[in-house]
Protein backbone atom coordinates (compact mmCIF):
# COMPACT_ATOMS: atom_id res chain seq x y z
CA MET A 1 131.75 47.72 110.33
CA ASP A 2 130.06 44.72 112.64
CA PRO A 3 133.91 43.68 114.36
CA ARG A 4 132.69 40.06 113.47
CA PHE A 5 133.68 40.81 109.62
CA LEU A 6 136.62 43.13 109.71
CA PRO A 7 139.31 40.20 109.61
CA HIS A 8 137.65 39.77 105.88
CA ASN A 9 137.99 43.24 105.12
CA THR A 10 141.67 44.65 105.56
CA HIS A 11 141.59 46.22 102.45
CA LEU A 12 139.20 48.88 104.16
CA ASP A 13 142.05 50.17 106.09
CA PHE A 14 145.27 48.96 104.64
CA PRO A 15 144.38 48.50 100.95
CA GLU A 16 147.97 47.96 99.89
CA GLN A 17 148.62 45.31 102.36
CA PHE A 18 145.74 43.49 101.85
CA SER A 19 147.30 39.95 100.34
CA GLN A 20 149.57 40.11 103.46
CA LEU A 21 146.77 40.63 105.70
CA ASP A 22 143.78 38.68 104.60
CA PRO A 23 143.72 35.22 106.27
CA HIS A 24 142.94 33.53 102.88
CA LEU A 25 145.09 35.16 100.96
CA ARG A 26 147.86 35.16 103.67
CA LEU A 27 147.18 31.18 103.39
CA LEU A 28 147.21 31.14 100.06
CA GLY A 29 150.93 32.48 99.71
CA LYS A 30 152.42 30.08 101.45
CA GLN A 31 151.54 27.29 99.00
CA PRO A 32 154.20 26.06 96.97
CA LEU A 33 151.75 25.86 94.11
CA VAL A 34 149.10 29.09 93.73
CA HIS A 35 146.15 28.38 91.24
CA LYS A 36 144.44 31.32 89.93
CA SER A 37 140.96 30.16 88.32
CA TYR A 38 139.84 31.58 84.97
CA LEU A 39 136.69 32.93 86.35
CA LEU A 40 138.63 35.90 87.99
CA ASP A 41 138.73 36.87 83.98
CA ILE A 42 135.00 36.34 83.74
CA LEU A 43 133.56 37.45 87.08
CA PRO A 44 131.72 40.88 86.72
CA ARG A 45 133.65 43.98 87.10
CA ASN A 46 131.79 47.39 87.14
CA LYS A 47 128.54 45.67 86.75
CA PRO A 48 125.23 45.90 88.78
CA GLY A 49 123.11 43.13 89.38
CA ILE A 50 122.54 39.79 91.20
CA PHE A 51 125.43 37.03 90.65
CA THR A 52 125.98 33.50 92.11
CA LEU A 53 129.33 31.33 92.61
CA THR A 54 128.60 27.99 93.39
CA GLY A 55 130.51 25.18 93.85
CA GLY A 56 131.67 22.05 96.59
CA ARG A 57 132.88 23.08 100.07
CA GLN A 58 136.61 23.34 100.33
CA ILE A 59 136.85 23.64 96.56
CA GLY A 60 137.98 27.49 97.03
CA LYS A 61 135.19 29.65 96.66
CA THR A 62 136.17 31.96 99.39
CA THR A 63 139.63 31.97 98.27
CA LEU A 64 138.51 32.82 94.83
CA MET A 65 136.38 36.05 96.18
CA LYS A 66 139.53 37.04 98.09
CA GLN A 67 141.34 36.95 94.72
CA TRP A 68 138.82 38.98 93.22
CA MET A 69 138.86 41.54 95.59
CA ALA A 70 142.43 41.85 95.42
CA ALA A 71 142.49 42.55 91.53
CA GLN A 72 139.36 44.96 91.83
CA LEU A 73 141.71 47.02 94.36
CA MET A 74 144.64 46.57 91.68
CA HIS A 75 142.26 47.89 88.82
CA GLY A 76 141.49 51.04 90.79
CA THR A 77 138.42 50.19 92.77
CA PRO A 78 138.28 52.36 95.95
CA PRO A 79 138.52 49.75 98.88
CA ASP A 80 135.18 51.47 100.46
CA ASN A 81 133.02 50.29 97.37
CA ILE A 82 133.89 46.59 98.46
CA ARG A 83 132.26 44.81 101.48
CA PHE A 84 132.73 40.77 102.32
CA ILE A 85 130.68 38.98 104.71
CA THR A 86 130.43 35.67 106.13
CA GLY A 87 127.18 34.31 105.96
CA GLY A 88 127.60 31.51 108.63
CA LEU A 89 127.67 34.38 111.14
CA ILE A 90 124.14 36.02 110.20
CA GLN A 91 121.18 33.97 111.70
CA ASP A 92 118.47 35.25 109.22
CA HIS A 93 117.20 37.39 106.38
CA HIS A 94 116.20 40.31 108.84
CA ALA A 95 119.69 40.59 109.80
CA LEU A 96 120.77 40.07 106.37
CA VAL A 97 118.86 42.99 105.44
CA ARG A 98 119.92 45.55 108.43
CA LEU A 99 123.75 44.66 107.48
CA LEU A 100 123.62 45.03 103.76
CA SER A 101 121.63 48.24 104.24
CA ASP A 102 123.95 49.42 106.84
CA MET A 103 126.82 49.05 104.05
CA LEU A 104 125.41 50.57 101.15
CA LEU A 105 124.56 53.64 103.21
CA ALA A 106 128.27 53.55 104.75
CA MET A 107 129.76 53.59 100.91
CA PRO A 108 130.43 56.67 99.37
CA GLU A 109 128.25 57.64 96.06
CA ALA A 110 130.13 55.61 93.49
CA GLU A 111 129.27 54.10 90.19
CA HIS A 112 129.75 51.14 91.17
CA LYS A 113 130.19 48.96 94.42
CA TYR A 114 130.48 45.33 95.34
CA LEU A 115 128.95 43.25 98.30
CA ILE A 116 129.64 39.37 98.85
CA VAL A 117 128.04 37.21 101.29
CA ASP A 118 129.76 33.94 101.39
CA GLU A 119 127.75 30.84 102.13
CA VAL A 120 125.03 32.87 101.80
CA THR A 121 123.02 29.41 102.33
CA TYR A 122 123.70 29.28 105.97
CA ILE A 123 121.47 32.23 106.21
CA ARG A 124 117.87 31.44 107.26
CA GLU A 125 115.40 32.45 104.16
CA TRP A 126 118.30 34.65 102.90
CA ASP A 127 116.41 34.74 99.34
CA LYS A 128 113.57 37.19 101.26
CA ALA A 129 116.78 39.67 101.96
CA VAL A 130 117.75 40.07 98.63
CA LYS A 131 114.37 40.51 96.84
CA TYR A 132 113.68 43.38 99.31
CA LEU A 133 116.84 45.12 98.78
CA THR A 134 116.35 44.99 95.09
CA ASP A 135 112.65 45.96 94.87
CA ALA A 136 113.69 48.85 97.45
CA GLY A 137 116.12 50.08 94.66
CA LEU A 138 119.36 49.76 96.80
CA LEU A 139 120.83 47.10 94.45
CA GLU A 140 120.60 49.65 91.69
CA LYS A 141 124.14 50.60 91.42
CA ALA A 142 125.75 47.30 93.32
CA GLY A 143 127.19 43.89 92.16
CA LEU A 144 125.62 41.60 94.85
CA ILE A 145 127.72 38.52 94.37
CA LEU A 146 126.25 35.12 96.87
CA THR A 147 128.18 32.25 97.33
CA GLY A 148 127.22 28.87 98.46
CA SER A 149 127.56 25.06 98.41
CA ASP A 150 124.42 23.56 97.77
CA MET A 151 123.29 24.21 94.23
CA THR A 152 119.83 23.17 95.12
CA LEU A 153 118.86 25.69 97.15
CA ILE A 154 120.54 28.12 95.30
CA LYS A 155 118.67 27.26 92.27
CA GLU A 156 115.35 26.99 93.60
CA ALA A 157 116.07 30.80 95.11
CA ARG A 158 117.01 32.12 91.87
CA MET A 159 113.39 31.44 90.76
CA ARG A 160 112.10 33.75 93.39
CA PHE A 161 113.35 36.70 91.96
CA PRO A 162 113.27 36.62 88.18
CA GLY A 163 114.03 39.84 86.06
CA ARG A 164 116.05 41.23 89.26
CA ARG A 165 119.48 39.88 88.37
CA GLY A 166 120.93 42.70 86.06
CA THR A 167 121.57 42.88 82.47
CA GLU A 168 124.61 40.97 82.13
CA SER A 169 124.20 37.76 79.83
CA ARG A 170 125.78 35.44 82.35
CA VAL A 171 124.85 35.93 86.28
CA ASP A 172 125.79 32.40 87.63
CA PHE A 173 129.02 30.85 88.07
CA HIS A 174 130.44 27.74 89.23
CA LEU A 175 133.94 26.30 90.52
CA TYR A 176 134.90 23.17 90.03
CA PRO A 177 138.18 21.10 91.24
CA LEU A 178 140.63 21.64 88.71
CA ASN A 179 140.44 19.40 85.59
CA PHE A 180 143.22 17.67 84.31
CA LEU A 181 145.03 20.32 81.95
CA GLU A 182 144.61 22.88 84.68
CA ALA A 183 146.44 20.21 87.06
CA VAL A 184 149.11 19.70 84.61
CA GLN A 185 149.37 23.34 84.32
CA LEU A 186 149.62 24.25 87.60
CA LYS A 187 152.52 21.70 88.71
CA LYS A 188 154.87 22.92 85.90
CA LYS A 189 156.13 19.36 85.00
CA PHE A 190 155.92 20.31 81.28
CA SER A 191 156.67 23.56 79.55
CA SER A 192 154.48 25.77 78.20
CA ALA A 193 155.72 24.38 74.49
CA ASP A 194 155.42 20.93 75.23
CA ILE A 195 151.66 21.52 76.37
CA ASP A 196 151.28 23.22 73.16
CA THR A 197 152.77 20.26 71.33
CA LEU A 198 150.10 18.12 73.31
CA LEU A 199 147.38 20.28 72.79
CA ASN A 200 147.97 21.35 69.40
CA GLY A 201 150.81 19.26 67.89
CA PRO A 202 151.17 16.18 65.69
CA GLU A 203 148.29 13.48 66.06
CA ASP A 204 150.90 11.30 67.75
CA PRO A 205 153.11 13.42 70.33
CA SER A 206 156.66 11.69 71.23
CA LEU A 207 156.69 9.07 73.09
CA ASP A 208 158.84 10.88 75.80
CA LEU A 209 155.76 13.35 75.89
CA MET A 210 153.04 10.83 75.99
CA ASP A 211 154.92 8.89 79.17
CA GLY A 212 155.31 12.18 81.05
CA LEU A 213 151.29 12.81 80.40
CA PHE A 214 150.60 9.50 81.67
CA HIS A 215 152.60 9.65 84.20
CA GLU A 216 150.71 12.91 85.51
CA PHE A 217 147.40 11.45 84.74
CA GLU A 218 148.21 8.47 87.47
CA TRP A 219 148.78 11.47 89.84
CA TYR A 220 145.41 13.18 89.05
CA LEU A 221 143.88 9.63 89.92
CA ILE A 222 145.03 10.43 93.41
CA HIS A 223 145.24 13.87 94.21
CA GLY A 224 142.16 14.97 91.66
CA GLY A 225 141.76 18.38 91.44
CA PHE A 226 141.97 19.56 94.98
CA LEU A 227 144.41 22.11 95.47
CA THR A 228 145.44 21.11 99.01
CA ALA A 229 145.82 17.31 98.13
CA ILE A 230 148.15 18.73 94.84
CA ASN A 231 150.24 21.06 97.49
CA ASP A 232 150.67 18.17 99.61
CA LEU A 233 152.20 16.14 97.21
CA GLU A 234 154.37 18.89 96.02
CA GLU A 235 155.53 19.93 99.49
CA HIS A 236 155.76 16.71 101.13
CA GLY A 237 155.79 13.82 98.68
CA PHE A 238 152.51 12.68 100.38
CA ILE A 239 148.66 13.60 101.02
CA LEU A 240 148.76 14.24 104.84
CA PRO A 241 145.88 12.35 106.97
CA ALA A 242 144.36 15.54 108.00
CA THR A 243 143.60 16.72 104.44
CA TYR A 244 141.66 13.63 103.77
CA TYR A 245 139.37 14.24 107.16
CA THR A 246 139.04 17.82 106.04
CA TYR A 247 136.83 16.87 102.96
CA THR A 248 135.03 14.09 104.74
CA ASP A 249 134.31 16.50 107.73
CA TRP A 250 132.65 18.88 105.38
CA ILE A 251 130.68 16.25 103.46
CA ARG A 252 129.56 14.71 106.94
CA GLY A 253 128.61 18.36 108.25
CA ASP A 254 127.01 19.64 105.27
CA PHE A 255 124.89 16.34 105.58
CA LEU A 256 123.80 16.75 108.81
CA LYS A 257 122.72 20.13 108.42
CA ARG A 258 120.14 19.48 106.15
CA GLY A 259 118.62 16.96 108.79
CA ARG A 260 120.12 13.52 107.77
CA ARG A 261 121.89 10.88 109.89
CA GLU A 262 125.48 10.05 109.61
CA LYS A 263 124.56 6.17 109.79
CA SER A 264 122.68 6.78 106.63
CA LEU A 265 125.70 8.66 104.72
CA GLN A 266 127.64 5.81 105.84
CA GLU A 267 125.50 3.36 104.37
CA ILE A 268 125.15 5.30 100.73
CA LEU A 269 128.64 5.60 100.40
CA ARG A 270 129.62 2.26 101.26
CA ALA A 271 126.80 1.07 98.69
CA ILE A 272 128.15 3.45 96.11
CA ILE A 273 131.74 2.20 96.31
CA LYS A 274 130.42 -1.31 96.57
CA SER A 275 128.67 -1.12 93.38
CA TYR A 276 130.91 1.23 91.60
CA GLY A 277 130.91 0.98 88.10
CA SER A 278 127.83 -0.83 88.06
CA GLN A 279 124.41 -0.07 86.97
CA VAL A 280 122.01 0.31 90.15
CA THR A 281 118.33 1.03 91.06
CA TRP A 282 117.65 3.18 94.05
CA ASN A 283 115.51 -0.15 95.36
CA SER A 284 119.14 -2.26 94.46
CA LEU A 285 120.58 0.13 96.87
CA THR A 286 118.34 -0.15 99.60
CA GLN A 287 119.43 -4.21 99.55
CA GLU A 288 122.46 -2.65 101.05
CA MET A 289 121.71 -0.39 103.94
CA SER A 290 118.95 -0.34 106.41
CA ILE A 291 117.00 2.16 104.47
CA ASP A 292 113.84 0.63 103.49
CA HIS A 293 112.57 3.27 100.69
CA PRO A 294 114.14 3.68 97.41
CA LYS A 295 112.87 7.42 97.72
CA THR A 296 114.87 7.82 100.91
CA VAL A 297 117.71 6.65 98.75
CA ALA A 298 117.35 8.75 96.05
CA ASP A 299 116.78 12.17 97.94
CA HIS A 300 119.79 11.10 99.91
CA VAL A 301 121.94 10.60 96.50
CA GLY A 302 120.56 14.13 95.24
CA LEU A 303 121.69 15.97 98.11
CA LEU A 304 125.18 14.42 97.74
CA GLU A 305 124.60 15.59 94.17
CA SER A 306 124.00 19.35 94.82
CA MET A 307 126.78 19.20 97.33
CA ASP A 308 129.16 18.54 94.37
CA VAL A 309 129.88 14.98 96.09
CA VAL A 310 128.65 12.57 93.31
CA PHE A 311 127.08 12.59 90.16
CA VAL A 312 124.55 10.33 88.53
CA LEU A 313 124.94 9.27 85.00
CA HIS A 314 122.01 8.09 83.56
CA ALA A 315 121.24 5.64 80.48
CA LEU A 316 120.81 7.52 77.61
CA ILE A 317 117.04 7.20 75.28
CA GLU A 318 119.20 7.70 71.88
CA ASP A 319 116.44 9.16 69.64
CA LYS A 320 115.67 11.60 72.48
CA LEU A 321 118.96 12.46 73.64
CA SER A 322 117.65 12.65 77.03
CA ALA A 323 117.98 10.51 79.90
CA ALA A 324 115.80 7.32 80.59
CA PRO A 325 114.34 7.64 83.89
CA LYS A 326 113.04 4.12 84.37
CA LYS A 327 116.49 2.48 83.61
CA ALA A 328 119.16 1.73 85.78
CA ARG A 329 121.83 4.48 86.48
CA LYS A 330 125.60 4.76 87.70
CA VAL A 331 126.68 6.60 90.72
CA PHE A 332 130.02 8.25 90.86
CA PHE A 333 132.16 10.53 92.93
CA CYS A 334 133.07 13.71 91.13
CA ASP A 335 136.61 13.66 91.56
CA PRO A 336 138.89 10.90 92.48
CA PHE A 337 140.14 12.58 95.61
CA ILE A 338 136.56 12.55 97.16
CA PHE A 339 136.71 8.95 96.25
CA HIS A 340 139.70 8.61 98.43
CA CYS A 341 138.66 10.38 101.10
CA ALA A 342 135.22 8.63 101.57
CA MET A 343 137.62 5.22 101.34
CA SER A 344 139.41 6.79 104.48
CA TRP A 345 136.51 7.78 106.36
CA LEU A 346 134.45 4.35 105.64
CA TRP A 347 137.54 2.19 106.50
CA PRO A 348 139.75 4.37 108.99
CA CYS A 349 143.33 4.01 108.93
CA SER A 350 146.44 6.00 110.27
CA ASP A 351 147.72 6.70 106.49
CA PRO A 352 145.07 6.54 104.11
CA TYR A 353 147.53 7.83 101.34
CA GLN A 354 150.12 4.76 102.12
CA ASP A 355 147.63 2.40 102.98
CA GLN A 356 144.26 2.86 100.95
CA THR A 357 145.10 5.22 98.06
CA LEU A 358 148.40 3.73 96.59
CA PRO A 359 147.05 0.36 96.92
CA LEU A 360 143.78 1.02 94.91
CA LEU A 361 145.65 2.49 92.13
CA ALA A 362 147.97 -0.39 91.93
CA ASP A 363 144.75 -2.91 91.81
CA SER A 364 144.28 -2.60 87.73
CA GLY A 365 140.43 -3.44 88.28
CA LYS A 366 139.56 -0.77 90.85
CA ALA A 367 141.91 1.95 88.90
CA SER A 368 139.74 1.27 86.04
CA LEU A 369 136.67 1.85 87.60
CA LEU A 370 138.18 5.22 89.10
CA VAL A 371 139.51 6.20 85.73
CA GLU A 372 135.82 5.65 83.98
CA ALA A 373 134.31 7.58 86.63
CA CYS A 374 136.87 10.20 86.40
CA SER A 375 136.41 10.50 82.33
CA ALA A 376 132.72 10.85 82.71
CA SER A 377 132.80 13.44 85.32
CA LEU A 378 135.02 15.73 82.96
CA PHE A 379 132.84 15.36 80.18
CA GLY A 380 130.12 16.44 81.74
CA ARG A 381 131.33 19.69 82.50
CA ASN A 382 131.43 20.44 79.29
CA HIS A 383 128.49 18.35 77.33
CA PRO A 384 125.12 16.68 79.09
CA VAL A 385 126.49 13.24 79.50
CA TYR A 386 125.09 9.63 79.88
CA TYR A 387 125.73 6.03 79.11
CA ILE A 388 124.46 3.63 76.88
CA LYS A 389 122.73 0.51 77.53
CA ALA A 390 121.06 -1.78 75.01
CA LYS A 391 122.38 -5.36 74.09
CA GLY A 392 125.66 -4.15 75.42
CA GLU A 393 127.19 -0.99 77.25
CA VAL A 394 129.22 2.06 76.23
CA ASP A 395 130.71 3.73 78.98
CA ILE A 396 129.96 7.46 77.82
CA ALA A 397 127.72 9.13 75.43
CA TYR A 398 127.80 12.82 75.45
CA VAL A 399 125.68 14.88 73.46
CA HIS A 400 127.03 17.81 71.43
CA GLN A 401 125.83 19.22 68.33
CA GLU A 402 122.22 17.92 68.34
CA ARG A 403 123.63 14.36 68.53
CA PHE A 404 125.47 11.66 70.93
CA TRP A 405 128.75 10.73 70.68
CA PRO A 406 129.75 7.62 72.30
CA VAL A 407 132.87 7.06 74.48
CA GLU A 408 134.26 3.43 75.38
CA VAL A 409 136.56 3.68 78.38
CA LYS A 410 139.50 0.84 78.50
CA TRP A 411 142.30 1.28 81.10
CA THR A 412 143.44 -2.54 80.75
CA SER A 413 146.01 -3.77 78.66
CA GLN A 414 143.65 -6.83 77.08
CA LEU A 415 140.50 -5.68 75.57
CA ARG A 416 138.15 -8.92 74.87
CA PRO A 417 136.11 -8.25 71.26
CA GLY A 418 132.62 -8.73 73.98
CA GLU A 419 133.63 -5.47 76.05
CA LEU A 420 133.18 -3.61 72.31
CA LYS A 421 130.12 -5.22 70.97
CA GLN A 422 128.06 -2.27 71.64
CA ILE A 423 130.27 0.53 70.83
CA VAL A 424 131.56 -0.86 67.22
CA LYS A 425 127.89 -0.04 66.05
CA TYR A 426 127.88 3.48 66.00
CA PRO A 427 130.04 5.32 63.07
CA ASN A 428 130.98 7.79 65.25
CA GLY A 429 131.94 5.62 68.47
CA LEU A 430 135.77 6.32 70.22
CA ILE A 431 137.94 4.31 72.19
CA LEU A 432 139.98 5.81 74.88
CA ASN A 433 142.70 3.55 76.30
CA LYS A 434 146.37 2.97 77.32
CA SER A 435 148.01 3.37 73.92
CA ARG A 436 150.62 5.69 73.56
CA GLN A 437 149.39 6.22 70.06
CA LYS A 438 146.15 6.82 68.11
CA GLY A 439 144.78 3.72 66.13
CA SER A 440 141.83 1.41 65.90
CA ILE A 441 140.17 -1.61 66.77
CA GLN A 442 137.64 -3.47 65.02
CA ASN A 443 137.30 -0.24 62.62
CA VAL A 444 136.79 2.07 65.90
CA PRO A 445 139.25 4.75 66.46
CA THR A 446 141.39 4.65 69.66
CA ARG A 447 143.04 7.71 71.13
CA PRO A 448 145.39 7.98 74.22
CA LEU A 449 142.80 8.54 77.08
CA PRO A 450 145.17 11.12 79.23
CA LEU A 451 145.93 13.12 75.92
CA GLU A 452 142.24 13.10 74.95
CA LEU A 453 141.13 14.60 78.70
CA LEU A 454 143.72 16.96 78.59
CA ARG A 455 142.52 18.38 75.26
CA LEU A 456 139.02 18.22 76.73
CA GLY A 457 140.12 20.83 79.09
CA ALA A 458 141.43 23.02 76.81
CA HIS A 459 137.66 22.16 75.29
CA SER A 460 136.40 24.02 78.46
CA GLN A 461 138.76 27.03 78.38
CA ASN A 462 138.22 27.86 74.68
CA ASN A 463 134.27 27.76 75.47
CA ARG A 464 134.55 29.84 78.66
């Protein structure tokens, strides 16, 4: 094997010590809290085909694949039937064809073989190599797993080899930051019985349980679903400045790698934060930056969307259950921690946790915007999600069972009637708020927001 890839293939010589020798699994073992994604149970096993795993950078895709490799070894897959290569070390599709062909020839004749190409989008014209290997019949007994952080490139390339993916019903997987339920389960502040009570118990759990849940949600607004931030808080009681910088560095690096300018990224992120929770057009965002053309702004935001940095919440056409392309939209960060990282980069300070993150959460107005974004993002992992803009506004409208369900997010102690003038028009409307118990306002049912997001995470688990 090419010596460049040996550190990631220690299982070939020492399969029993793979978890101790592999650089990613060794680092994982040192963490106070170790998460095992549900994807470990549904990623391909003993199945040929071409599979993709996407997700933002620094979200744990590489570590997930190493955990998956360890699981295959435990289930009896011969070590020689698994190879892991890093895309960042491969120049183009010619080099990839040679490398994978040599690996396949070196593998023993077996029913199932696995090839993992991590961050495949670093390889120029990588899809040509995949097409060649497939058409040549070299992947008939192999599962080829491709990971990447640029969802747009992978989506486009998938279209170039239709009919070559294999027979599995699911071939594409996406790794998100932990949702609220996963974060709560990881931190183990609640017993299994308590979580079961919150998910499946009485309509109004005890106030002690609810107080604890609200406390955990406040922490979620700080660390989001990012494991390094969660483990920083578990080990140190605060998030290290280096952790903030790690995530801003990958945003900057991937943005620049696409031929964009760092100044443009700074201006766009500042404009997003300044308009957070407000309706914007691409033209209105240009007023906040030196970029003149709205299409350029749209392209930059689209790139950030493909990197799982931001998501765009479009207005809903109610009778068509689709986005209204001509109406203003909202732009949010995909996770609360990404918001905090962007703040730390745009307005540098020596201690982002103490000087920026905690003060922001103490500001009820700013915290409310973060809660709205977090809620919309988590709903969006399960359903198509929009907002409603009519005579009034509704924060979230998700589509399920061929109808839309309007949801108003109110993270303030007082509600003004004018803020609810649109949600009251819908018989299936719902208000998520800070109350510890269910209730109603102007005949619209209300639910505790953290409890609803916790149960939304359970819905995700049940529909995997």
